[in-house]
Protein backbone atom coordinates (compact mmCIF):
# COMPACT_ATOMS: atom_id res chain seq x y z
CA MET A 1 -11.21 -28.32 -43.52
CA ALA A 2 -12.14 -27.78 -39.84
CA LEU A 3 -8.53 -27.00 -38.93
CA ALA A 4 -8.19 -24.55 -41.82
CA TYR A 5 -11.38 -22.75 -40.78
CA LEU A 6 -10.31 -22.42 -37.15
CA GLU A 7 -6.85 -21.22 -38.15
CA ALA A 8 -8.50 -18.51 -40.29
CA TRP A 9 -10.73 -17.59 -37.34
CA ALA A 10 -7.71 -17.35 -35.03
CA ARG A 11 -6.05 -14.83 -37.34
CA ASN A 12 -9.38 -13.02 -37.93
CA ASP A 13 -9.25 -13.77 -41.65
CA LEU A 14 -12.93 -13.39 -42.48
CA GLY A 15 -12.30 -13.85 -46.24
CA ALA A 16 -10.81 -17.31 -45.70
CA GLN A 17 -13.63 -18.17 -43.30
CA ARG A 18 -16.29 -17.18 -45.84
CA GLN A 19 -14.72 -19.41 -48.49
CA ALA A 20 -15.34 -22.44 -46.26
CA LEU A 21 -19.10 -21.80 -45.90
CA VAL A 22 -22.05 -23.44 -47.69
CA GLU A 23 -23.97 -20.19 -47.57
CA VAL A 24 -22.56 -16.95 -46.19
CA PRO A 25 -24.98 -15.12 -43.88
CA ALA A 26 -25.51 -11.55 -45.05
CA ASP A 27 -24.29 -10.23 -41.71
CA PHE A 28 -21.46 -12.75 -41.24
CA ASP A 29 -18.76 -10.08 -40.91
CA ALA A 30 -20.95 -7.92 -38.69
CA GLN A 31 -21.72 -10.85 -36.36
CA HIS A 32 -18.01 -11.51 -35.88
CA ALA A 33 -17.35 -7.82 -35.27
CA ARG A 34 -20.15 -7.64 -32.67
CA TRP A 35 -18.87 -10.83 -31.03
CA ARG A 36 -15.34 -9.47 -30.74
CA GLN A 37 -16.44 -6.04 -29.61
CA GLY A 38 -19.11 -7.25 -27.20
CA LEU A 39 -16.71 -9.59 -25.41
CA GLY A 40 -13.50 -7.64 -25.85
CA VAL A 41 -11.82 -10.56 -27.62
CA THR A 42 -8.14 -9.85 -28.23
CA ALA A 43 -7.04 -13.30 -29.43
CA SER A 44 -8.39 -16.82 -29.95
CA ARG A 45 -6.81 -20.22 -30.14
CA PHE A 46 -8.37 -23.58 -30.86
CA GLU A 47 -7.58 -27.06 -29.69
CA GLY A 48 -9.05 -30.50 -29.08
CA LEU A 49 -10.54 -31.07 -32.53
CA HIS A 50 -12.57 -34.30 -32.57
CA LEU A 51 -14.75 -35.86 -35.26
CA GLU A 52 -17.99 -36.44 -33.35
CA SER A 53 -20.01 -38.02 -36.19
CA GLU A 54 -19.83 -38.48 -39.96
CA ASP A 55 -21.81 -40.05 -42.80
CA ASP A 56 -21.79 -39.51 -46.53
CA ARG A 57 -23.41 -36.08 -46.31
CA VAL A 58 -22.88 -34.59 -42.82
CA ALA A 59 -19.95 -34.39 -40.40
CA VAL A 60 -19.79 -32.79 -36.96
CA VAL A 61 -16.47 -31.68 -35.49
CA THR A 62 -16.20 -30.62 -31.85
CA PHE A 63 -13.52 -28.21 -30.73
CA ARG A 64 -12.43 -26.13 -27.81
CA GLY A 65 -12.04 -22.40 -28.32
CA VAL A 66 -10.00 -20.37 -25.84
CA HIS A 67 -10.75 -16.67 -26.22
CA SER A 68 -8.69 -14.01 -24.45
CA LEU A 69 -11.01 -11.30 -23.18
CA ARG A 70 -9.47 -7.90 -22.60
CA GLY A 71 -9.13 -7.15 -18.91
CA LEU A 72 -10.65 -10.46 -17.77
CA GLY A 73 -8.68 -13.45 -18.99
CA ASP A 74 -9.27 -16.62 -21.02
CA TRP A 75 -12.76 -17.99 -21.66
CA ALA A 76 -12.86 -21.61 -22.82
CA VAL A 77 -15.84 -22.79 -24.89
CA GLU A 78 -16.66 -26.27 -26.17
CA SER A 79 -18.56 -25.98 -29.48
CA ARG A 80 -19.23 -27.62 -32.87
CA LEU A 81 -18.69 -27.15 -36.58
CA ARG A 82 -21.31 -28.78 -38.84
CA PHE A 83 -20.10 -29.67 -42.35
CA GLU A 84 -22.14 -30.68 -45.42
CA ARG A 85 -20.82 -32.60 -48.39
CA LYS A 86 -21.61 -31.68 -51.97
CA GLY A 87 -19.79 -33.91 -54.39
CA LYS A 88 -16.26 -34.24 -53.10
CA ARG A 89 -16.25 -30.91 -51.25
CA TRP A 90 -17.07 -30.41 -47.58
CA SER A 91 -18.39 -26.97 -46.59
CA LEU A 92 -19.37 -25.48 -43.23
CA ARG A 93 -22.99 -24.72 -42.45
CA TRP A 94 -22.42 -21.72 -40.21
CA THR A 95 -24.77 -20.77 -37.36
CA PRO A 96 -24.19 -18.73 -34.17
CA GLU A 97 -23.62 -21.97 -32.24
CA VAL A 98 -20.09 -21.81 -33.64
CA PHE A 99 -19.56 -19.03 -31.07
CA HIS A 100 -21.32 -20.97 -28.30
CA PRO A 101 -23.62 -24.05 -28.28
CA GLU A 102 -26.47 -22.02 -26.74
CA ALA A 103 -26.32 -19.14 -29.23
CA ARG A 104 -29.16 -18.73 -31.74
CA VAL A 105 -29.89 -16.39 -34.64
CA GLY A 106 -30.56 -12.90 -33.29
CA ASP A 107 -28.65 -13.41 -30.06
CA SER A 108 -25.64 -11.28 -29.13
CA PHE A 109 -22.84 -11.41 -26.61
CA GLY A 110 -21.92 -9.01 -23.85
CA ARG A 111 -19.94 -8.84 -20.66
CA LEU A 112 -19.69 -7.18 -17.27
CA ARG A 113 -16.42 -6.23 -15.60
CA THR A 114 -15.92 -4.61 -12.21
CA TRP A 115 -13.07 -3.97 -9.81
CA GLY A 116 -13.63 -4.40 -6.12
CA PRO A 117 -12.77 -1.66 -3.61
CA ARG A 118 -9.14 -0.64 -3.75
CA ALA A 119 -7.26 -1.67 -0.60
CA ALA A 120 -5.64 0.93 1.61
CA LEU A 121 -2.07 1.88 2.28
CA LEU A 122 -1.56 1.58 6.03
CA ASP A 123 0.71 3.30 8.51
CA ALA A 124 3.16 1.45 10.76
CA ARG A 125 0.40 0.72 13.28
CA GLY A 126 -1.98 -0.64 10.65
CA ALA A 127 -4.30 2.39 10.40
CA PRO A 128 -5.36 3.49 6.89
CA LEU A 129 -3.41 6.29 5.26
CA THR A 130 -5.67 6.32 2.20
CA VAL A 131 -9.45 6.32 2.42
CA PRO A 132 -12.28 6.98 -0.06
CA GLY A 133 -13.41 10.59 0.02
CA GLU A 134 -14.49 13.55 -2.03
CA VAL A 135 -12.46 16.18 -3.85
CA ILE A 136 -13.44 19.14 -5.97
CA THR A 137 -11.99 19.43 -9.44
CA ILE A 138 -11.30 23.04 -10.38
CA GLY A 139 -11.34 23.64 -14.11
CA ALA A 140 -12.79 25.73 -16.91
CA TYR A 141 -15.05 25.64 -19.93
CA PRO A 142 -12.86 27.31 -22.58
CA GLY A 143 -15.85 28.71 -24.46
CA ARG A 144 -17.02 30.61 -21.40
CA VAL A 145 -13.64 32.15 -20.53
CA ARG A 146 -13.62 35.89 -21.21
CA ASP A 147 -10.05 36.57 -20.15
CA GLY A 148 -7.52 33.71 -20.12
CA ALA A 149 -5.02 35.80 -18.20
CA ALA A 150 -7.56 36.44 -15.44
CA VAL A 151 -8.21 32.70 -15.10
CA ALA A 152 -4.48 31.95 -15.02
CA ASN A 153 -3.72 34.68 -12.50
CA ALA A 154 -6.54 33.60 -10.18
CA LEU A 155 -5.35 29.99 -10.20
CA GLN A 156 -1.79 31.12 -9.57
CA SER A 157 -2.70 33.37 -6.64
CA GLN A 158 -4.96 30.84 -4.93
CA LEU A 159 -3.39 27.49 -5.83
CA GLY A 160 0.14 28.27 -7.00
CA MET A 161 -0.48 27.01 -10.53
CA ASP A 162 1.85 28.02 -13.35
CA PRO A 163 -0.09 30.73 -15.29
CA GLN A 164 1.68 29.91 -18.56
CA ARG A 165 0.61 26.28 -18.34
CA VAL A 166 -2.98 27.32 -17.63
CA GLN A 167 -3.11 29.66 -20.62
CA ALA A 168 -1.49 27.06 -22.88
CA ALA A 169 -4.09 24.48 -21.80
CA LEU A 170 -6.93 26.93 -22.49
CA LYS A 171 -5.53 27.71 -25.91
CA SER A 172 -5.08 24.06 -26.91
CA ALA A 173 -8.65 23.26 -25.77
CA GLY A 174 -10.14 26.03 -27.92
CA ALA A 175 -11.43 23.54 -30.49
CA GLN A 176 -13.71 22.02 -27.83
CA PRO A 177 -15.14 25.09 -26.09
CA GLU A 178 -17.83 23.20 -24.14
CA GLN A 179 -15.61 20.40 -22.85
CA PHE A 180 -14.66 20.74 -19.19
CA LEU A 181 -10.93 21.28 -18.81
CA ALA A 182 -9.74 20.01 -15.42
CA PHE A 183 -6.80 21.82 -13.81
CA ILE A 184 -6.45 20.58 -10.24
CA ASP A 185 -8.20 18.52 -7.56
CA VAL A 186 -8.49 19.99 -4.07
CA ARG A 187 -9.93 18.76 -0.80
CA PRO A 188 -13.22 20.28 0.44
CA GLU A 189 -11.45 22.37 3.09
CA ARG A 190 -9.14 23.90 0.47
CA TYR A 191 -12.06 24.49 -1.87
CA GLN A 192 -13.82 26.51 0.81
CA GLN A 193 -10.73 28.69 1.18
CA VAL A 194 -10.40 29.55 -2.54
CA ARG A 195 -14.00 29.48 -3.79
CA ALA A 196 -14.80 33.11 -2.99
CA VAL A 197 -11.94 34.31 -5.23
CA LEU A 198 -12.25 31.75 -8.04
CA ALA A 199 -16.02 31.48 -8.48
CA PRO A 200 -16.55 35.06 -9.81
CA VAL A 201 -13.94 34.57 -12.58
CA PRO A 202 -15.84 33.86 -15.85
CA GLY A 203 -15.07 30.40 -17.16
CA ILE A 204 -13.94 28.76 -13.89
CA PHE A 205 -16.17 25.92 -12.72
CA PHE A 206 -16.11 23.22 -10.05
CA ARG A 207 -17.00 19.53 -10.04
CA LYS A 208 -17.19 17.00 -7.22
CA LYS A 209 -15.74 13.51 -7.55
CA THR A 210 -14.66 10.61 -5.37
CA ALA A 211 -10.96 10.14 -4.72
CA ARG A 212 -8.40 8.55 -2.43
CA LEU A 213 -7.62 10.89 0.44
CA SER A 214 -4.67 10.93 2.83
CA PRO A 215 -4.95 12.22 6.43
CA ALA A 216 -4.27 15.82 5.34
CA GLU A 217 -3.58 17.75 2.17
CA GLY A 218 -0.06 17.01 0.98
CA PHE A 219 0.49 14.30 3.62
CA ALA A 220 3.30 12.05 2.30
CA ALA A 221 2.08 13.02 -1.15
CA HIS A 222 5.12 11.90 -3.13
CA THR A 223 5.42 8.67 -1.17
CA LEU A 224 1.80 7.56 -1.10
CA GLY A 225 1.28 8.75 -4.68
CA ARG A 226 -1.97 9.28 -6.53
CA VAL A 227 -4.53 7.30 -8.48
CA GLY A 228 -6.29 8.18 -11.72
CA GLU A 229 -7.32 6.86 -15.10
CA VAL A 230 -4.62 4.65 -16.54
CA THR A 231 -2.28 6.32 -19.00
CA ALA A 232 -1.09 4.69 -22.22
CA GLU A 233 2.37 4.25 -20.71
CA ALA A 234 1.05 2.68 -17.51
CA LEU A 235 -1.29 0.42 -19.49
CA HIS A 236 1.64 -0.88 -21.51
CA LEU A 237 3.67 -1.60 -18.36
CA LEU A 238 0.83 -3.14 -16.37
CA GLY A 239 -0.49 -5.41 -19.10
CA HIS A 240 -3.19 -7.94 -18.17
CA PRO A 241 -5.79 -7.55 -16.64
CA TYR A 242 -5.85 -3.80 -17.23
CA GLN A 243 -7.65 -1.93 -19.99
CA ALA A 244 -8.26 1.67 -21.01
CA GLY A 245 -10.46 3.53 -18.54
CA ASP A 246 -9.31 1.62 -15.45
CA VAL A 247 -8.35 3.63 -12.37
CA VAL A 248 -4.84 2.73 -11.22
CA GLY A 249 -1.96 4.00 -9.15
CA LEU A 250 -0.06 6.58 -11.16
CA SER A 251 2.80 7.41 -8.78
CA GLY A 252 4.38 6.57 -5.44
CA LEU A 253 3.37 3.47 -3.54
CA GLU A 254 -0.03 3.54 -5.25
CA ARG A 255 1.84 2.74 -8.46
CA ALA A 256 4.54 0.49 -6.99
CA GLN A 257 1.97 -1.61 -5.09
CA GLU A 258 -0.75 -1.47 -7.74
CA ARG A 259 -1.12 -5.23 -8.13
CA ALA A 260 -1.60 -5.80 -4.41
CA LEU A 261 -3.86 -2.81 -3.77
CA ALA A 262 -6.13 -3.33 -6.79
CA GLY A 263 -6.60 -7.09 -6.67
CA SER A 264 -8.17 -8.42 -9.88
CA PRO A 265 -11.48 -7.64 -11.61
CA SER A 266 -14.59 -9.82 -11.59
CA GLY A 267 -16.66 -10.33 -14.69
CA GLU A 268 -19.35 -12.23 -16.56
CA VAL A 269 -19.74 -13.44 -20.13
CA ARG A 270 -23.38 -13.04 -21.12
CA LEU A 271 -25.55 -14.30 -23.93
CA LEU A 272 -28.20 -11.68 -24.69
CA ARG A 273 -31.39 -13.22 -26.10
CA ARG A 274 -33.62 -11.42 -28.58
CA SER A 275 -36.28 -11.50 -25.87
CA GLY A 276 -34.08 -9.39 -23.60
CA GLU A 277 -33.12 -12.27 -21.33
CA ALA A 278 -29.46 -12.39 -20.28
CA VAL A 279 -27.88 -15.81 -19.77
CA VAL A 280 -24.62 -15.94 -17.83
CA LEU A 281 -22.27 -18.26 -19.72
CA HIS A 282 -19.17 -17.81 -17.59
CA ARG A 283 -18.02 -15.98 -14.47
CA PHE A 284 -14.57 -14.61 -13.74
CA GLU A 285 -13.96 -14.55 -10.02
CA GLY A 286 -11.89 -11.53 -9.11
CA ALA A 287 -9.84 -11.01 -5.99
CA PRO A 288 -10.04 -8.10 -3.53
CA GLY A 289 -7.08 -5.83 -3.07
CA THR A 290 -4.68 -6.49 -0.22
CA PRO A 291 -3.77 -3.63 2.16
CA VAL A 292 -0.09 -2.69 2.17
CA ARG A 293 1.43 -1.67 5.49
CA THR A 294 4.12 0.98 5.33
CA THR A 295 6.64 1.87 8.02
CA LEU A 296 5.42 5.48 8.18
CA ARG A 297 4.41 6.79 11.58
CA ARG A 298 1.58 9.27 11.33
CA ASP A 299 2.90 11.56 14.09
CA VAL A 300 6.43 11.70 12.66
CA GLN A 301 5.14 12.28 9.12
CA ALA A 302 2.84 15.07 10.29
CA ALA A 303 5.77 16.72 12.08
CA ALA A 304 7.86 16.52 8.90
CA GLU A 305 5.06 18.13 6.87
CA ALA A 306 4.70 20.90 9.44
CA ALA A 307 8.44 21.59 9.40
CA LEU A 308 8.46 22.06 5.62
CA ALA A 309 5.16 23.92 5.37
CA ASP A 310 6.65 27.39 4.84
CA VAL A 311 9.88 26.39 3.07
CA ALA A 312 9.94 28.20 -0.26
CA ARG A 313 12.88 26.38 -1.82
CA PRO A 314 12.96 22.72 -2.89
CA ALA A 315 13.50 20.66 0.26
CA ALA A 316 13.28 17.25 1.88
CA LEU A 317 13.02 15.76 5.34
CA VAL A 318 13.46 12.08 6.16
CA ALA A 319 13.38 10.20 9.47
CA VAL A 320 14.32 6.55 10.06
CA ASP A 321 14.28 4.14 12.98
CA THR A 322 17.86 3.67 14.16
CA ALA A 323 17.35 0.01 15.13
CA THR A 324 15.74 -1.21 11.90
CA GLY A 325 16.18 1.31 9.08
CA GLU A 326 12.39 1.60 8.80
CA VAL A 327 11.39 4.94 7.29
CA LEU A 328 9.22 6.82 9.79
CA ALA A 329 8.62 9.92 7.69
CA VAL A 330 9.61 11.18 4.27
CA ALA A 331 8.56 14.49 2.74
CA SER A 332 9.60 16.36 -0.39
CA ARG A 333 8.86 19.87 -1.58
CA PRO A 334 7.48 21.39 -3.69
CA LEU A 335 4.33 19.28 -3.69
CA GLY A 336 3.50 20.25 -7.26
CA GLU A 337 6.76 18.83 -8.60
CA ALA A 338 6.98 15.14 -9.50
CA LEU A 339 10.58 14.74 -8.26
CA HIS A 340 10.67 12.92 -4.92
CA ARG A 341 13.97 14.53 -3.97
CA ALA A 342 14.01 12.91 -0.52
CA LEU A 343 14.42 9.51 -2.18
CA THR A 344 15.78 10.14 -5.66
CA GLY A 345 17.68 13.43 -5.48
CA ARG A 346 21.43 12.88 -5.14
CA TYR A 347 23.53 15.76 -3.89
CA PRO A 348 26.97 16.39 -2.37
CA PRO A 349 26.40 15.89 1.37
CA GLY A 350 28.95 18.52 2.34
CA SER A 351 30.07 18.56 5.95
CA THR A 352 27.41 16.05 7.04
CA PHE A 353 29.80 13.52 5.48
CA LYS A 354 32.32 14.43 8.19
CA VAL A 355 30.49 11.88 10.34
CA VAL A 356 31.86 9.24 7.95
CA THR A 357 35.31 10.83 7.78
CA SER A 358 35.39 11.02 11.58
CA GLU A 359 34.61 7.31 11.84
CA ALA A 360 37.68 6.63 9.70
CA LEU A 361 39.79 8.98 11.82
CA LEU A 362 38.57 7.46 15.09
CA THR A 363 39.33 4.00 13.70
CA SER A 364 42.89 5.17 12.98
CA GLY A 365 43.42 6.33 16.58
CA VAL A 366 42.25 9.96 16.64
CA LYS A 367 40.20 10.77 19.75
CA PRO A 368 37.73 13.61 20.47
CA ASP A 369 40.37 15.33 22.65
CA THR A 370 43.23 14.91 20.16
CA ARG A 371 44.95 18.26 19.50
CA VAL A 372 44.59 19.50 15.93
CA THR A 373 45.00 22.76 14.03
CA CYS A 374 42.44 24.69 12.00
CA PRO A 375 44.16 27.19 9.69
CA VAL A 376 42.30 29.40 7.20
CA GLU A 377 43.72 27.52 4.23
CA VAL A 378 45.53 24.30 3.31
CA THR A 379 46.91 22.87 0.08
CA ALA A 380 46.20 19.36 -1.19
CA GLY A 381 47.90 18.48 -4.45
CA PRO A 382 47.42 21.40 -6.85
CA ARG A 383 44.35 22.78 -5.04
CA ARG A 384 43.90 25.20 -2.19
CA PHE A 385 41.06 24.66 0.24
CA ARG A 386 39.64 27.28 2.59
CA ASN A 387 37.19 27.21 5.46
CA PHE A 388 33.71 28.57 4.97
CA GLU A 389 33.75 32.34 5.43
CA ALA A 390 37.55 32.19 6.03
CA GLU A 391 37.19 30.89 9.59
CA ALA A 392 40.24 29.73 11.56
CA PHE A 393 40.40 28.32 15.10
CA GLY A 394 44.15 27.77 15.51
CA GLU A 395 45.19 24.86 17.71
CA THR A 396 42.24 23.13 19.33
CA THR A 397 40.65 19.69 19.80
CA PHE A 398 39.18 17.31 17.26
CA ARG A 399 35.83 17.69 19.07
CA GLN A 400 35.95 21.43 18.47
CA VAL A 401 36.81 21.24 14.76
CA PHE A 402 33.99 18.74 14.29
CA ALA A 403 31.52 20.96 16.18
CA LEU A 404 32.53 24.04 14.19
CA SER A 405 33.02 22.11 10.92
CA CYS A 406 36.58 23.11 10.12
CA ASN A 407 37.37 21.93 6.59
CA THR A 408 41.11 22.49 6.78
CA ALA A 409 41.49 20.37 9.90
CA PHE A 410 39.66 17.47 8.27
CA ILE A 411 41.74 17.75 5.12
CA GLN A 412 44.99 17.63 7.10
CA LEU A 413 43.83 14.69 9.20
CA SER A 414 42.42 12.65 6.31
CA ALA A 415 45.70 13.05 4.41
CA LYS A 416 47.31 10.84 7.09
CA LEU A 417 44.78 8.01 6.70
CA GLY A 418 45.57 4.77 4.91
CA ARG A 419 44.87 4.65 1.20
CA ASN A 420 41.48 2.95 1.48
CA ALA A 421 40.44 4.16 4.93
CA LEU A 422 37.91 6.73 3.75
CA GLU A 423 36.41 4.35 1.21
CA ASP A 424 36.14 1.60 3.83
CA ALA A 425 34.39 3.96 6.26
CA ALA A 426 31.97 5.08 3.57
CA ARG A 427 31.14 1.43 2.87
CA ARG A 428 30.41 0.90 6.58
CA PHE A 429 27.82 3.67 6.28
CA GLY A 430 26.17 2.07 3.24
CA PHE A 431 27.81 4.10 0.49
CA GLY A 432 27.77 1.96 -2.64
CA ALA A 433 25.22 -0.48 -1.18
CA ARG A 434 22.21 -1.49 -3.27
CA TYR A 435 18.91 -1.63 -1.45
CA ASP A 436 15.19 -1.72 -2.19
CA VAL A 437 13.34 0.95 -0.22
CA GLY A 438 9.97 0.15 -1.80
CA LEU A 439 10.24 3.10 -4.19
CA PRO A 440 13.13 4.03 -6.49
CA SER A 441 16.11 5.39 -4.57
CA PRO A 442 19.71 5.29 -5.82
CA GLY A 443 21.38 5.47 -2.41
CA ALA A 444 24.83 7.01 -2.07
CA SER A 445 28.15 6.76 -3.89
CA PHE A 446 31.74 7.31 -2.82
CA PRO A 447 34.08 6.92 -5.81
CA PRO A 448 37.64 6.10 -4.64
CA PRO A 449 39.67 9.35 -4.54
CA GLY A 450 42.01 9.65 -7.50
CA ASP A 451 44.61 11.98 -5.97
CA ASP A 452 45.32 14.13 -2.91
CA ALA A 453 43.00 16.92 -4.04
CA ASP A 454 40.21 14.45 -4.70
CA ARG A 455 40.75 12.89 -1.26
CA ALA A 456 40.66 16.34 0.38
CA ALA A 457 37.34 17.20 -1.32
CA ALA A 458 35.87 13.80 -0.46
CA SER A 459 36.81 14.10 3.22
CA MET A 460 34.38 17.01 3.56
CA GLY A 461 31.62 15.54 1.40
CA GLN A 462 32.44 17.39 -1.80
CA GLY A 463 34.00 16.32 -5.09
CA ARG A 464 32.29 13.21 -6.45
CA VAL A 465 30.56 12.13 -3.24
CA LEU A 466 26.77 12.00 -3.67
CA ALA A 467 23.91 10.94 -1.41
CA THR A 468 20.14 11.17 -1.14
CA PRO A 469 18.54 12.84 1.88
CA LEU A 470 17.17 9.40 2.77
CA HIS A 471 20.64 7.91 2.84
CA MET A 472 22.04 10.69 5.00
CA ALA A 473 19.28 10.00 7.53
CA THR A 474 20.59 6.42 7.71
CA VAL A 475 24.12 7.78 8.28
CA ALA A 476 22.91 9.62 11.37
CA ALA A 477 20.93 6.56 12.48
CA ALA A 478 23.97 4.28 12.29
CA VAL A 479 25.74 6.34 14.94
CA ASP A 480 23.04 5.41 17.47
CA THR A 481 23.33 1.62 17.23
CA GLY A 482 26.73 1.14 15.61
CA VAL A 483 25.04 -0.66 12.72
CA TRP A 484 24.06 0.86 9.38
CA HIS A 485 20.70 -0.50 8.22
CA ALA A 486 19.39 -0.19 4.68
CA PRO A 487 16.18 1.87 4.73
CA ARG A 488 12.78 0.38 3.86
CA LEU A 489 9.28 1.79 3.48
CA LEU A 490 7.26 -1.46 3.57
CA ALA A 491 6.69 -3.16 6.89
CA ASP A 492 6.58 -6.67 5.44
CA ALA A 493 9.59 -6.29 3.14
CA GLU A 494 12.72 -8.30 3.79
CA GLU A 495 15.46 -6.48 5.64
CA GLY A 496 18.14 -5.09 3.37
CA PRO A 497 21.92 -5.10 3.76
CA GLU A 498 23.58 -3.79 6.88
CA ALA A 499 27.12 -2.95 7.96
CA ARG A 500 28.80 -2.55 11.34
CA LEU A 501 30.83 0.51 12.32
CA SER A 502 34.29 0.03 13.76
CA ALA A 503 34.35 -0.98 17.42
CA GLY A 504 34.31 1.96 19.80
CA THR A 505 33.55 4.61 17.20
CA PRO A 506 29.79 5.08 17.80
CA VAL A 507 30.31 6.34 21.38
CA ALA A 508 32.88 8.88 20.24
CA LEU A 509 30.74 9.93 17.25
CA ARG A 510 27.79 10.61 19.55
CA ASP A 511 30.08 12.76 21.69
CA LEU A 512 31.14 14.72 18.61
CA MET A 513 27.60 15.12 17.27
CA ARG A 514 26.35 16.32 20.64
CA ALA A 515 29.08 18.96 20.64
CA VAL A 516 27.71 20.32 17.34
CA VAL A 517 24.47 21.14 19.19
CA THR A 518 25.93 22.33 22.49
CA ASP A 519 28.92 24.28 21.23
CA GLY A 520 28.91 24.29 17.43
CA THR A 521 27.09 25.14 14.23
CA ALA A 522 23.72 23.82 15.47
CA LYS A 523 23.77 25.63 18.81
CA SER A 524 20.39 27.23 18.05
CA ALA A 525 18.88 23.77 18.73
CA VAL A 526 20.61 23.28 22.08
CA GLY A 527 17.30 23.28 23.91
CA PHE A 528 16.38 19.82 22.64
CA GLN A 529 17.40 17.24 25.21
CA GLY A 530 19.72 14.60 23.79
CA LEU A 531 19.83 15.99 20.26
CA MET A 532 22.99 15.17 18.30
CA GLY A 533 23.74 16.18 14.76
CA LYS A 534 25.94 17.59 12.04
CA THR A 535 25.37 20.57 9.78
CA GLY A 536 26.44 20.73 6.16
CA THR A 537 26.91 23.50 3.61
CA ALA A 538 27.58 21.76 0.30
CA GLU A 539 28.92 23.68 -2.67
CA PHE A 540 27.59 22.94 -6.17
CA GLY A 541 27.65 24.43 -9.64
CA THR A 542 30.15 26.80 -11.25
CA ALA A 543 29.02 30.19 -9.92
CA LEU A 544 31.46 32.42 -8.02
CA PRO A 545 31.04 32.40 -5.14
CA PRO A 546 29.56 28.88 -5.30
CA GLU A 547 25.93 28.21 -4.49
CA THR A 548 25.35 25.90 -1.56
CA HIS A 549 22.85 23.29 -0.37
CA ALA A 550 21.87 23.43 3.30
CA TRP A 551 21.98 20.18 5.32
CA PHE A 552 21.45 18.97 8.85
CA ILE A 553 21.47 15.35 9.94
CA GLY A 554 20.31 14.57 13.45
CA LEU A 555 19.92 11.83 16.01
CA ARG A 556 17.47 11.78 18.89
CA GLY A 557 15.31 9.27 20.72
CA GLY A 558 16.01 6.27 18.49
CA MET A 559 15.43 8.29 15.32
CA GLY A 560 17.92 9.45 12.72
CA PHE A 561 16.84 12.22 10.38
CA ALA A 562 18.06 14.47 7.60
CA VAL A 563 16.95 17.94 6.54
CA PHE A 564 17.94 19.16 3.09
CA VAL A 565 17.24 22.48 1.33
CA GLU A 566 18.32 22.66 -2.29
CA GLY A 567 20.33 25.82 -2.93
CA GLY A 568 19.28 26.88 0.56
CA GLY A 569 22.56 28.33 1.74
CA VAL A 570 24.17 27.58 5.11
CA GLY A 571 23.16 24.42 6.94
CA GLY A 572 23.33 25.90 10.43
CA ARG A 573 21.24 28.91 9.45
CA VAL A 574 18.67 27.24 7.16
CA ALA A 575 18.43 23.50 7.80
CA VAL A 576 18.76 23.60 11.60
CA PRO A 577 15.68 25.86 12.08
CA ILE A 578 13.66 23.39 9.99
CA ALA A 579 14.94 20.55 12.17
CA THR A 580 13.91 22.60 15.20
CA ARG A 581 10.36 22.95 13.88
CA PHE A 582 10.27 19.22 13.16
CA LEU A 583 11.28 18.30 16.69
CA GLN A 584 8.93 20.86 18.22
CA ALA A 585 5.99 19.45 16.26
CA LEU A 586 6.96 15.91 17.20
CA ASP A 587 7.35 16.76 20.88
CA ALA A 588 3.96 18.48 20.85
CA THR A 589 2.23 15.26 19.77
CA ALA A 590 3.93 13.32 22.56
CA ARG A 591 2.48 15.49 25.31
């Protein structure tokens, strides 16, 4: 009988429970509902049944109930069931002590649950990158909006918000005219800049709230991520000990490192007496969050943000330490777009890949002073390939065709390589390697060329060759030390895979990359002492003439970096000026 009752309780079968009782309390169902709701019970199991005493009329069974409390954990309770015998039938005399030995008629159960302070994300030197602060939520009360278009236009002009999305949100919220509709959170300094324009617009209102703040607006925004009330999707993925209403990391490292940063909640199970007294029956000891140290350097990250500040097109800038692969800075634009293109966008690297092709050529015996030809056009298999803007440099040196990025010279030279030489060189630069950066990043791929035309396209970073801006920063970095290191964002993470370049090639590659700056397509940056690099103009799509991505990968002072502008045009004209601003900002902090 006791086992049957507890099994019914475990499956919340109140009908079966009632059938086992001597007398059913009028509020039996309500008491169970209040017990479950007050404690947040999601499941119960029972064990350790023991017949404590028995005579002809009364039997007492002890048992252990283990109740799973939402967002807290398991609460174990030792309690009793008291049975009475009438004829041959045993029935349960139910009282609140079934819930807990100290419970009496009129008592109820409740709980407390709190998270401790969320730990900070730290920079490479251990200083906080995220601190508690205040933001202003800009939103609207739909019922007080006179002109939806005016609200949308004001938010677009001051904050760059999509006016169609604003008007759609206002329309969908029409059924709740007095409910505040939040649009965007801004820092106090930004609020002061836009308030004078937004405040006079009927329907727009402002609210203050606490938030996690980075050193400056937009600082490593995609990488650090944001926090907010847990979504249904995040709640499903996170599982215990989270519950609806919790504040969690929603993106970036805040999401990836949620468990460490948040710690675990503390709580109490309370018995609430009719007198108003609260008796603590059990305590859950939570754990504080643990700070997570990144590899980001604040000065390098700030320089990257400054370099991209006025870039209108989607863009990315990444910098890595040449000796370790540690990511020093990573920035993506636009800030309002969820895509972290610096880490997850994969694009044809264009002529920046010629660093890899050159390593294969140098391994095969080509030298910087080797004489080569750069015609306007060459044929590989059934395809004709031309230089960008129909350039031709005649007979010259390998150093010169690298500096001026002559496609036809590279196609002719790569055609003489061994069958797997390009693929082997790509592998030495990490193409095809799997690594864990700390956030999702697919790395780079170099599918083996299928024919001569495919090989020709691959030799200049076109065809099926794809890489993230992050990976191309590691390509530049490898030239400095002769070792390719997998990139990583977390200071305490294990080092990833690495590969060694062919003996003797790094010195020659540095010579070639310096020539790009002194005499080639990046000559506008010649003023930066020791800068080496390679520009890239990567074709994509089916338009005629083709659209192009703008690239520049650089090497200077123990740092490899990549600048990428999606659909930006010519690398030397678009990406190099951004690299120049990056280096200028970085040099300014060093003074």
